[in-house]
PDB file of N, CA and C in Angstrom:
ATOM      1  N   UNK A   1      55.711   5.756  57.323  1.00  0.00           N
ATOM      2  CA  UNK A   1      56.097   4.938  56.177  1.00  0.00           C
ATOM      3  C   UNK A   1      56.576   3.580  56.683  1.00  0.00           C
ATOM      4  N   UNK A   2      56.167   2.500  56.030  1.00  0.00           N
ATOM      5  CA  UNK A   2      56.604   1.162  56.448  1.00  0.00           C
ATOM      6  C   UNK A   2      58.126   1.016  56.366  1.00  0.00           C
ATOM      7  N   UNK A   3      58.642   0.174  57.227  1.00  0.00           N
ATOM      8  CA  UNK A   3      60.088  -0.083  57.264  1.00  0.00           C
ATOM      9  C   UNK A   3      60.379  -1.464  56.699  1.00  0.00           C
ATOM     10  N   UNK A   4      61.557  -1.585  56.123  1.00  0.00           N
ATOM     11  CA  UNK A   4      62.051  -2.888  55.690  1.00  0.00           C
ATOM     12  C   UNK A   4      63.414  -3.097  56.357  1.00  0.00           C
ATOM     13  N   UNK A   5      63.837  -4.339  56.416  1.00  0.00           N
ATOM     14  CA  UNK A   5      65.118  -4.680  57.030  1.00  0.00           C
ATOM     15  C   UNK A   5      66.173  -4.831  55.945  1.00  0.00           C
ATOM     16  N   UNK A   6      67.358  -4.258  56.192  1.00  0.00           N
ATOM     17  CA  UNK A   6      68.497  -4.398  55.287  1.00  0.00           C
ATOM     18  C   UNK A   6      69.602  -5.104  56.052  1.00  0.00           C
ATOM     19  N   UNK A   7      70.130  -6.178  55.460  1.00  0.00           N
ATOM     20  CA  UNK A   7      71.251  -6.910  56.046  1.00  0.00           C
ATOM     21  C   UNK A   7      72.481  -6.691  55.176  1.00  0.00           C
ATOM     22  N   UNK A   8      73.593  -6.416  55.833  1.00  0.00           N
ATOM     23  CA  UNK A   8      74.855  -6.159  55.139  1.00  0.00           C
ATOM     24  C   UNK A   8      75.860  -7.236  55.519  1.00  0.00           C
ATOM     25  N   UNK A   9      76.726  -7.578  54.571  1.00  0.00           N
ATOM     26  CA  UNK A   9      77.680  -8.654  54.788  1.00  0.00           C
ATOM     27  C   UNK A   9      79.099  -8.222  54.426  1.00  0.00           C
ATOM     28  N   UNK A  10      80.062  -8.935  55.013  1.00  0.00           N
ATOM     29  CA  UNK A  10      81.494  -8.800  54.719  1.00  0.00           C
ATOM     30  C   UNK A  10      81.952  -7.345  54.853  1.00  0.00           C
ATOM     31  N   UNK A  11      82.654  -6.821  53.844  1.00  0.00           N
ATOM     32  CA  UNK A  11      83.235  -5.484  53.975  1.00  0.00           C
ATOM     33  C   UNK A  11      82.178  -4.385  54.041  1.00  0.00           C
ATOM     34  N   UNK A  12      80.973  -4.635  53.550  1.00  0.00           N
ATOM     35  CA  UNK A  12      79.900  -3.639  53.678  1.00  0.00           C
ATOM     36  C   UNK A  12      79.488  -3.505  55.146  1.00  0.00           C
ATOM     37  N   UNK A  13      79.471  -4.603  55.846  1.00  0.00           N
ATOM     38  CA  UNK A  13      79.178  -4.600  57.286  1.00  0.00           C
ATOM     39  C   UNK A  13      80.277  -3.852  58.034  1.00  0.00           C
ATOM     40  N   UNK A  14      81.515  -4.127  57.681  1.00  0.00           N
ATOM     41  CA  UNK A  14      82.639  -3.456  58.327  1.00  0.00           C
ATOM     42  C   UNK A  14      82.621  -1.956  58.038  1.00  0.00           C
ATOM     43  N   UNK A  15      82.333  -1.583  56.799  1.00  0.00           N
ATOM     44  CA  UNK A  15      82.327  -0.180  56.394  1.00  0.00           C
ATOM     45  C   UNK A  15      81.267   0.617  57.151  1.00  0.00           C
ATOM     46  N   UNK A  16      80.075   0.052  57.297  1.00  0.00           N
ATOM     47  CA  UNK A  16      78.967   0.766  57.938  1.00  0.00           C
ATOM     48  C   UNK A  16      78.956   0.610  59.457  1.00  0.00           C
ATOM     49  N   UNK A  17      79.634  -0.419  59.955  1.00  0.00           N
ATOM     50  CA  UNK A  17      79.634  -0.670  61.386  1.00  0.00           C
ATOM     51  C   UNK A  17      78.358  -1.323  61.894  1.00  0.00           C
ATOM     52  N   UNK A  18      77.560  -1.866  60.981  1.00  0.00           N
ATOM     53  CA  UNK A  18      76.317  -2.524  61.385  1.00  0.00           C
ATOM     54  C   UNK A  18      76.037  -3.718  60.486  1.00  0.00           C
ATOM     55  N   UNK A  19      75.394  -4.738  61.050  1.00  0.00           N
ATOM     56  CA  UNK A  19      75.066  -5.898  60.226  1.00  0.00           C
ATOM     57  C   UNK A  19      73.652  -5.825  59.675  1.00  0.00           C
ATOM     58  N   UNK A  20      72.778  -5.057  60.328  1.00  0.00           N
ATOM     59  CA  UNK A  20      71.430  -4.876  59.791  1.00  0.00           C
ATOM     60  C   UNK A  20      70.829  -3.591  60.334  1.00  0.00           C
ATOM     61  N   UNK A  21      69.900  -3.041  59.561  1.00  0.00           N
ATOM     62  CA  UNK A  21      69.208  -1.834  59.972  1.00  0.00           C
ATOM     63  C   UNK A  21      67.849  -1.784  59.306  1.00  0.00           C
ATOM     64  N   UNK A  22      66.971  -1.006  59.879  1.00  0.00           N
ATOM     65  CA  UNK A  22      65.640  -0.811  59.321  1.00  0.00           C
ATOM     66  C   UNK A  22      65.619   0.517  58.578  1.00  0.00           C
ATOM     67  N   UNK A  23      65.015   0.509  57.392  1.00  0.00           N
ATOM     68  CA  UNK A  23      64.993   1.676  56.519  1.00  0.00           C
ATOM     69  C   UNK A  23      63.569   1.857  56.013  1.00  0.00           C
ATOM     70  N   UNK A  24      63.160   3.130  55.833  1.00  0.00           N
ATOM     71  CA  UNK A  24      61.854   3.387  55.221  1.00  0.00           C
ATOM     72  C   UNK A  24      61.807   2.734  53.855  1.00  0.00           C
ATOM     73  N   UNK A  25      60.671   2.137  53.537  1.00  0.00           N
ATOM     74  CA  UNK A  25      60.548   1.437  52.258  1.00  0.00           C
ATOM     75  C   UNK A  25      60.330   2.424  51.119  1.00  0.00           C
ATOM     76  N   UNK A  26      60.108   1.907  49.963  1.00  0.00           N
ATOM     77  CA  UNK A  26      59.968   2.626  48.697  1.00  0.00           C
ATOM     78  C   UNK A  26      60.292   1.596  47.635  1.00  0.00           C
ATOM     79  N   UNK A  27      61.207   1.930  46.740  1.00  0.00           N
ATOM     80  CA  UNK A  27      61.724   0.938  45.802  1.00  0.00           C
ATOM     81  C   UNK A  27      63.070   0.440  46.313  1.00  0.00           C
ATOM     82  N   UNK A  28      63.570  -0.618  45.700  1.00  0.00           N
ATOM     83  CA  UNK A  28      64.903  -1.102  46.054  1.00  0.00           C
ATOM     84  C   UNK A  28      65.912   0.023  45.842  1.00  0.00           C
ATOM     85  N   UNK A  29      65.811   0.740  44.732  1.00  0.00           N
ATOM     86  CA  UNK A  29      66.730   1.852  44.460  1.00  0.00           C
ATOM     87  C   UNK A  29      66.642   2.914  45.559  1.00  0.00           C
ATOM     88  N   UNK A  30      65.422   3.248  45.999  1.00  0.00           N
ATOM     89  CA  UNK A  30      65.247   4.237  47.071  1.00  0.00           C
ATOM     90  C   UNK A  30      66.013   3.818  48.324  1.00  0.00           C
ATOM     91  N   UNK A  31      65.885   2.563  48.696  1.00  0.00           N
ATOM     92  CA  UNK A  31      66.550   2.068  49.900  1.00  0.00           C
ATOM     93  C   UNK A  31      68.066   2.139  49.736  1.00  0.00           C
ATOM     94  N   UNK A  32      68.572   1.720  48.586  1.00  0.00           N
ATOM     95  CA  UNK A  32      70.015   1.776  48.359  1.00  0.00           C
ATOM     96  C   UNK A  32      70.510   3.214  48.391  1.00  0.00           C
ATOM     97  N   UNK A  33      69.752   4.143  47.830  1.00  0.00           N
ATOM     98  CA  UNK A  33      70.146   5.550  47.854  1.00  0.00           C
ATOM     99  C   UNK A  33      70.121   6.106  49.276  1.00  0.00           C
ATOM    100  N   UNK A  34      69.178   5.664  50.098  1.00  0.00           N
ATOM    101  CA  UNK A  34      69.147   6.084  51.501  1.00  0.00           C
ATOM    102  C   UNK A  34      70.399   5.604  52.227  1.00  0.00           C
ATOM    103  N   UNK A  35      70.818   4.378  51.932  1.00  0.00           N
ATOM    104  CA  UNK A  35      72.046   3.866  52.538  1.00  0.00           C
ATOM    105  C   UNK A  35      73.254   4.682  52.089  1.00  0.00           C
ATOM    106  N   UNK A  36      73.271   5.076  50.829  1.00  0.00           N
ATOM    107  CA  UNK A  36      74.378   5.880  50.304  1.00  0.00           C
ATOM    108  C   UNK A  36      74.441   7.244  50.992  1.00  0.00           C
ATOM    109  N   UNK A  37      73.295   7.828  51.292  1.00  0.00           N
ATOM    110  CA  UNK A  37      73.276   9.114  52.002  1.00  0.00           C
ATOM    111  C   UNK A  37      73.688   8.938  53.466  1.00  0.00           C
ATOM    112  N   UNK A  38      73.273   7.849  54.060  1.00  0.00           N
ATOM    113  CA  UNK A  38      73.578   7.602  55.475  1.00  0.00           C
ATOM    114  C   UNK A  38      75.056   7.272  55.686  1.00  0.00           C
ATOM    115  N   UNK A  39      75.651   6.572  54.716  1.00  0.00           N
ATOM    116  CA  UNK A  39      77.039   6.131  54.835  1.00  0.00           C
ATOM    117  C   UNK A  39      77.841   6.658  53.645  1.00  0.00           C
ATOM    118  N   UNK A  40      78.407   7.874  53.760  1.00  0.00           N
ATOM    119  CA  UNK A  40      79.194   8.424  52.648  1.00  0.00           C
ATOM    120  C   UNK A  40      80.297   7.450  52.220  1.00  0.00           C
ATOM    121  N   UNK A  41      80.406   7.232  50.922  1.00  0.00           N
ATOM    122  CA  UNK A  41      81.367   6.281  50.372  1.00  0.00           C
ATOM    123  C   UNK A  41      80.735   4.947  50.007  1.00  0.00           C
ATOM    124  N   UNK A  42      79.564   4.671  50.557  1.00  0.00           N
ATOM    125  CA  UNK A  42      78.865   3.411  50.282  1.00  0.00           C
ATOM    126  C   UNK A  42      78.512   3.301  48.805  1.00  0.00           C
ATOM    127  N   UNK A  43      78.139   4.433  48.212  1.00  0.00           N
ATOM    128  CA  UNK A  43      77.748   4.444  46.797  1.00  0.00           C
ATOM    129  C   UNK A  43      78.857   3.895  45.905  1.00  0.00           C
ATOM    130  N   UNK A  44      80.094   4.281  46.182  1.00  0.00           N
ATOM    131  CA  UNK A  44      81.222   3.811  45.369  1.00  0.00           C
ATOM    132  C   UNK A  44      81.445   2.314  45.530  1.00  0.00           C
ATOM    133  N   UNK A  45      80.975   1.771  46.624  1.00  0.00           N
ATOM    134  CA  UNK A  45      81.156   0.342  46.874  1.00  0.00           C
ATOM    135  C   UNK A  45      80.132  -0.512  46.129  1.00  0.00           C
ATOM    136  N   UNK A  46      78.929   0.035  45.886  1.00  0.00           N
ATOM    137  CA  UNK A  46      77.885  -0.809  45.299  1.00  0.00           C
ATOM    138  C   UNK A  46      77.413  -0.382  43.915  1.00  0.00           C
ATOM    139  N   UNK A  47      77.598   0.893  43.571  1.00  0.00           N
ATOM    140  CA  UNK A  47      77.095   1.385  42.287  1.00  0.00           C
ATOM    141  C   UNK A  47      78.212   1.663  41.300  1.00  0.00           C
ATOM    142  N   UNK A  48      77.892   1.424  40.026  1.00  0.00           N
ATOM    143  CA  UNK A  48      78.710   1.851  38.894  1.00  0.00           C
ATOM    144  C   UNK A  48      77.783   2.726  38.058  1.00  0.00           C
ATOM    145  N   UNK A  49      77.818   4.026  38.294  1.00  0.00           N
ATOM    146  CA  UNK A  49      76.847   4.917  37.676  1.00  0.00           C
ATOM    147  C   UNK A  49      75.485   4.675  38.298  1.00  0.00           C
ATOM    148  N   UNK A  50      74.498   4.362  37.468  1.00  0.00           N
ATOM    149  CA  UNK A  50      73.129   4.106  37.935  1.00  0.00           C
ATOM    150  C   UNK A  50      72.869   2.625  38.203  1.00  0.00           C
ATOM    151  N   UNK A  51      73.840   1.774  37.864  1.00  0.00           N
ATOM    152  CA  UNK A  51      73.645   0.326  37.992  1.00  0.00           C
ATOM    153  C   UNK A  51      74.440  -0.226  39.164  1.00  0.00           C
ATOM    154  N   UNK A  52      73.962  -1.341  39.685  1.00  0.00           N
ATOM    155  CA  UNK A  52      74.707  -2.047  40.720  1.00  0.00           C
ATOM    156  C   UNK A  52      75.933  -2.676  40.074  1.00  0.00           C
ATOM    157  N   UNK A  53      77.064  -2.590  40.753  1.00  0.00           N
ATOM    158  CA  UNK A  53      78.280  -3.212  40.232  1.00  0.00           C
ATOM    159  C   UNK A  53      78.017  -4.698  39.994  1.00  0.00           C
ATOM    160  N   UNK A  54      78.615  -5.253  38.933  1.00  0.00           N
ATOM    161  CA  UNK A  54      78.296  -6.638  38.558  1.00  0.00           C
ATOM    162  C   UNK A  54      78.653  -7.681  39.616  1.00  0.00           C
ATOM    163  N   UNK A  55      79.562  -7.368  40.505  1.00  0.00           N
ATOM    164  CA  UNK A  55      79.965  -8.338  41.523  1.00  0.00           C
ATOM    165  C   UNK A  55      79.245  -8.139  42.863  1.00  0.00           C
ATOM    166  N   UNK A  56      78.316  -7.195  42.927  1.00  0.00           N
ATOM    167  CA  UNK A  56      77.505  -6.989  44.128  1.00  0.00           C
ATOM    168  C   UNK A  56      76.169  -7.699  43.931  1.00  0.00           C
ATOM    169  N   UNK A  57      75.779  -8.484  44.897  1.00  0.00           N
ATOM    170  CA  UNK A  57      74.495  -9.190  44.835  1.00  0.00           C
ATOM    171  C   UNK A  57      73.523  -8.562  45.823  1.00  0.00           C
ATOM    172  N   UNK A  58      72.359  -8.182  45.313  1.00  0.00           N
ATOM    173  CA  UNK A  58      71.299  -7.618  46.146  1.00  0.00           C
ATOM    174  C   UNK A  58      70.113  -8.575  46.074  1.00  0.00           C
ATOM    175  N   UNK A  59      69.726  -9.088  47.229  1.00  0.00           N
ATOM    176  CA  UNK A  59      68.626 -10.042  47.304  1.00  0.00           C
ATOM    177  C   UNK A  59      67.437  -9.413  48.022  1.00  0.00           C
ATOM    178  N   UNK A  60      66.252  -9.666  47.495  1.00  0.00           N
ATOM    179  CA  UNK A  60      65.007  -9.251  48.127  1.00  0.00           C
ATOM    180  C   UNK A  60      64.260 -10.517  48.516  1.00  0.00           C
ATOM    181  N   UNK A  61      64.115 -10.714  49.801  1.00  0.00           N
ATOM    182  CA  UNK A  61      63.441 -11.916  50.317  1.00  0.00           C
ATOM    183  C   UNK A  61      64.039 -13.195  49.729  1.00  0.00           C
ATOM    184  N   UNK A  62      65.372 -13.219  49.629  1.00  0.00           N
ATOM    185  CA  UNK A  62      66.079 -14.413  49.189  1.00  0.00           C
ATOM    186  C   UNK A  62      66.242 -14.582  47.693  1.00  0.00           C
ATOM    187  N   UNK A  63      65.735 -13.632  46.897  1.00  0.00           N
ATOM    188  CA  UNK A  63      65.838 -13.745  45.436  1.00  0.00           C
ATOM    189  C   UNK A  63      66.619 -12.554  44.888  1.00  0.00           C
ATOM    190  N   UNK A  64      67.490 -12.825  43.914  1.00  0.00           N
ATOM    191  CA  UNK A  64      68.290 -11.759  43.321  1.00  0.00           C
ATOM    192  C   UNK A  64      67.373 -10.718  42.697  1.00  0.00           C
ATOM    193  N   UNK A  65      67.499  -9.490  43.156  1.00  0.00           N
ATOM    194  CA  UNK A  65      66.601  -8.424  42.712  1.00  0.00           C
ATOM    195  C   UNK A  65      66.758  -8.144  41.218  1.00  0.00           C
ATOM    196  N   UNK A  66      67.951  -8.340  40.679  1.00  0.00           N
ATOM    197  CA  UNK A  66      68.164  -8.062  39.257  1.00  0.00           C
ATOM    198  C   UNK A  66      67.455  -9.080  38.373  1.00  0.00           C
ATOM    199  N   UNK A  67      67.156 -10.247  38.919  1.00  0.00           N
ATOM    200  CA  UNK A  67      66.426 -11.278  38.177  1.00  0.00           C
ATOM    201  C   UNK A  67      64.920 -11.207  38.416  1.00  0.00           C
ATOM    202  N   UNK A  68      64.492 -10.323  39.306  1.00  0.00           N
ATOM    203  CA  UNK A  68      63.082 -10.297  39.721  1.00  0.00           C
ATOM    204  C   UNK A  68      62.576  -8.872  39.913  1.00  0.00           C
ATOM    205  N   UNK A  69      62.505  -8.116  38.843  1.00  0.00           N
ATOM    206  CA  UNK A  69      61.913  -6.785  38.931  1.00  0.00           C
ATOM    207  C   UNK A  69      62.900  -5.642  38.942  1.00  0.00           C
ATOM    208  N   UNK A  70      64.143  -5.888  39.290  1.00  0.00           N
ATOM    209  CA  UNK A  70      65.159  -4.847  39.248  1.00  0.00           C
ATOM    210  C   UNK A  70      65.055  -3.834  40.376  1.00  0.00           C
ATOM    211  N   UNK A  71      65.775  -2.740  40.201  1.00  0.00           N
ATOM    212  CA  UNK A  71      65.889  -1.732  41.243  1.00  0.00           C
ATOM    213  C   UNK A  71      64.603  -0.949  41.479  1.00  0.00           C
ATOM    214  N   UNK A  72      63.689  -0.995  40.530  1.00  0.00           N
ATOM    215  CA  UNK A  72      62.434  -0.245  40.685  1.00  0.00           C
ATOM    216  C   UNK A  72      61.339  -1.073  41.363  1.00  0.00           C
ATOM    217  N   UNK A  73      61.682  -2.252  41.853  1.00  0.00           N
ATOM    218  CA  UNK A  73      60.732  -3.101  42.569  1.00  0.00           C
ATOM    219  C   UNK A  73      60.248  -2.392  43.830  1.00  0.00           C
ATOM    220  N   UNK A  74      58.941  -2.313  43.990  1.00  0.00           N
ATOM    221  CA  UNK A  74      58.356  -1.706  45.195  1.00  0.00           C
ATOM    222  C   UNK A  74      58.509  -2.661  46.379  1.00  0.00           C
ATOM    223  N   UNK A  75      58.827  -2.089  47.519  1.00  0.00           N
ATOM    224  CA  UNK A  75      59.006  -2.869  48.736  1.00  0.00           C
ATOM    225  C   UNK A  75      57.778  -2.743  49.629  1.00  0.00           C
ATOM    226  N   UNK A  76      57.607  -3.750  50.476  1.00  0.00           N
ATOM    227  CA  UNK A  76      56.452  -3.801  51.367  1.00  0.00           C
ATOM    228  C   UNK A  76      56.918  -4.097  52.788  1.00  0.00           C
ATOM    229  N   UNK A  77      56.075  -3.795  53.743  1.00  0.00           N
ATOM    230  CA  UNK A  77      56.385  -4.061  55.142  1.00  0.00           C
ATOM    231  C   UNK A  77      56.878  -5.498  55.302  1.00  0.00           C
ATOM    232  N   UNK A  78      57.919  -5.651  56.085  1.00  0.00           N
ATOM    233  CA  UNK A  78      58.527  -6.948  56.398  1.00  0.00           C
ATOM    234  C   UNK A  78      59.380  -7.521  55.276  1.00  0.00           C
ATOM    235  N   UNK A  79      59.551  -6.799  54.160  1.00  0.00           N
ATOM    236  CA  UNK A  79      60.511  -7.249  53.155  1.00  0.00           C
ATOM    237  C   UNK A  79      61.912  -7.159  53.743  1.00  0.00           C
ATOM    238  N   UNK A  80      62.822  -7.945  53.174  1.00  0.00           N
ATOM    239  CA  UNK A  80      64.202  -7.948  53.639  1.00  0.00           C
ATOM    240  C   UNK A  80      65.140  -7.890  52.446  1.00  0.00           C
ATOM    241  N   UNK A  81      66.052  -6.946  52.492  1.00  0.00           N
ATOM    242  CA  UNK A  81      67.095  -6.827  51.472  1.00  0.00           C
ATOM    243  C   UNK A  81      68.403  -7.289  52.096  1.00  0.00           C
ATOM    244  N   UNK A  82      69.141  -8.105  51.373  1.00  0.00           N
ATOM    245  CA  UNK A  82      70.476  -8.533  51.785  1.00  0.00           C
ATOM    246  C   UNK A  82      71.449  -8.122  50.688  1.00  0.00           C
ATOM    247  N   UNK A  83      72.553  -7.498  51.089  1.00  0.00           N
ATOM    248  CA  UNK A  83      73.540  -7.013  50.121  1.00  0.00           C
ATOM    249  C   UNK A  83      74.853  -7.739  50.382  1.00  0.00           C
ATOM    250  N   UNK A  84      75.327  -8.450  49.348  1.00  0.00           N
ATOM    251  CA  UNK A  84      76.536  -9.255  49.442  1.00  0.00           C
ATOM    252  C   UNK A  84      77.606  -8.728  48.497  1.00  0.00           C
ATOM    253  N   UNK A  85      78.747  -8.315  49.023  1.00  0.00           N
ATOM    254  CA  UNK A  85      79.882  -8.010  48.158  1.00  0.00           C
ATOM    255  C   UNK A  85      80.584  -9.319  47.806  1.00  0.00           C
ATOM    256  N   UNK A  86      81.571  -9.252  46.914  1.00  0.00           N
ATOM    257  CA  UNK A  86      82.310 -10.483  46.616  1.00  0.00           C
ATOM    258  C   UNK A  86      83.072 -10.956  47.857  1.00  0.00           C
ATOM    259  N   UNK A  87      83.075 -12.252  48.060  1.00  0.00           N
ATOM    260  CA  UNK A  87      83.761 -12.843  49.204  1.00  0.00           C
ATOM    261  C   UNK A  87      84.589 -14.009  48.690  1.00  0.00           C
ATOM    262  N   UNK A  88      85.813 -14.100  49.183  1.00  0.00           N
ATOM    263  CA  UNK A  88      86.638 -15.245  48.789  1.00  0.00           C
ATOM    264  C   UNK A  88      87.156 -15.913  50.049  1.00  0.00           C
ATOM    265  N   UNK A  89      87.534 -17.125  49.904  1.00  0.00           N
ATOM    266  CA  UNK A  89      88.043 -17.868  51.045  1.00  0.00           C
ATOM    267  C   UNK A  89      89.021 -18.919  50.575  1.00  0.00           C
ATOM    268  N   UNK A  90      89.531 -19.618  51.493  1.00  0.00           N
ATOM    269  CA  UNK A  90      90.497 -20.615  51.088  1.00  0.00           C
ATOM    270  C   UNK A  90      90.516 -21.787  52.001  1.00  0.00           C
TER     271      UNK A  90
END
């Protein structure tokens, strides 16, 4: 099965202990569910029921997935998902 790259940022990176990993493709939802199985507790960080929490941004090849096909978007070899939690600074 083709692999796609997933990049994690901020507290998601800290929680998983990795900044990026390769995951078998499928849909965006499939990949997120694989991450939830691999990292227990990850689901509570990104999902609210079946939906992504409103303050979590998931990008596919630089575009917000919720604005471009949603979680059922099929992924292809060399696609890249980036997951951003809320970040603040001063």
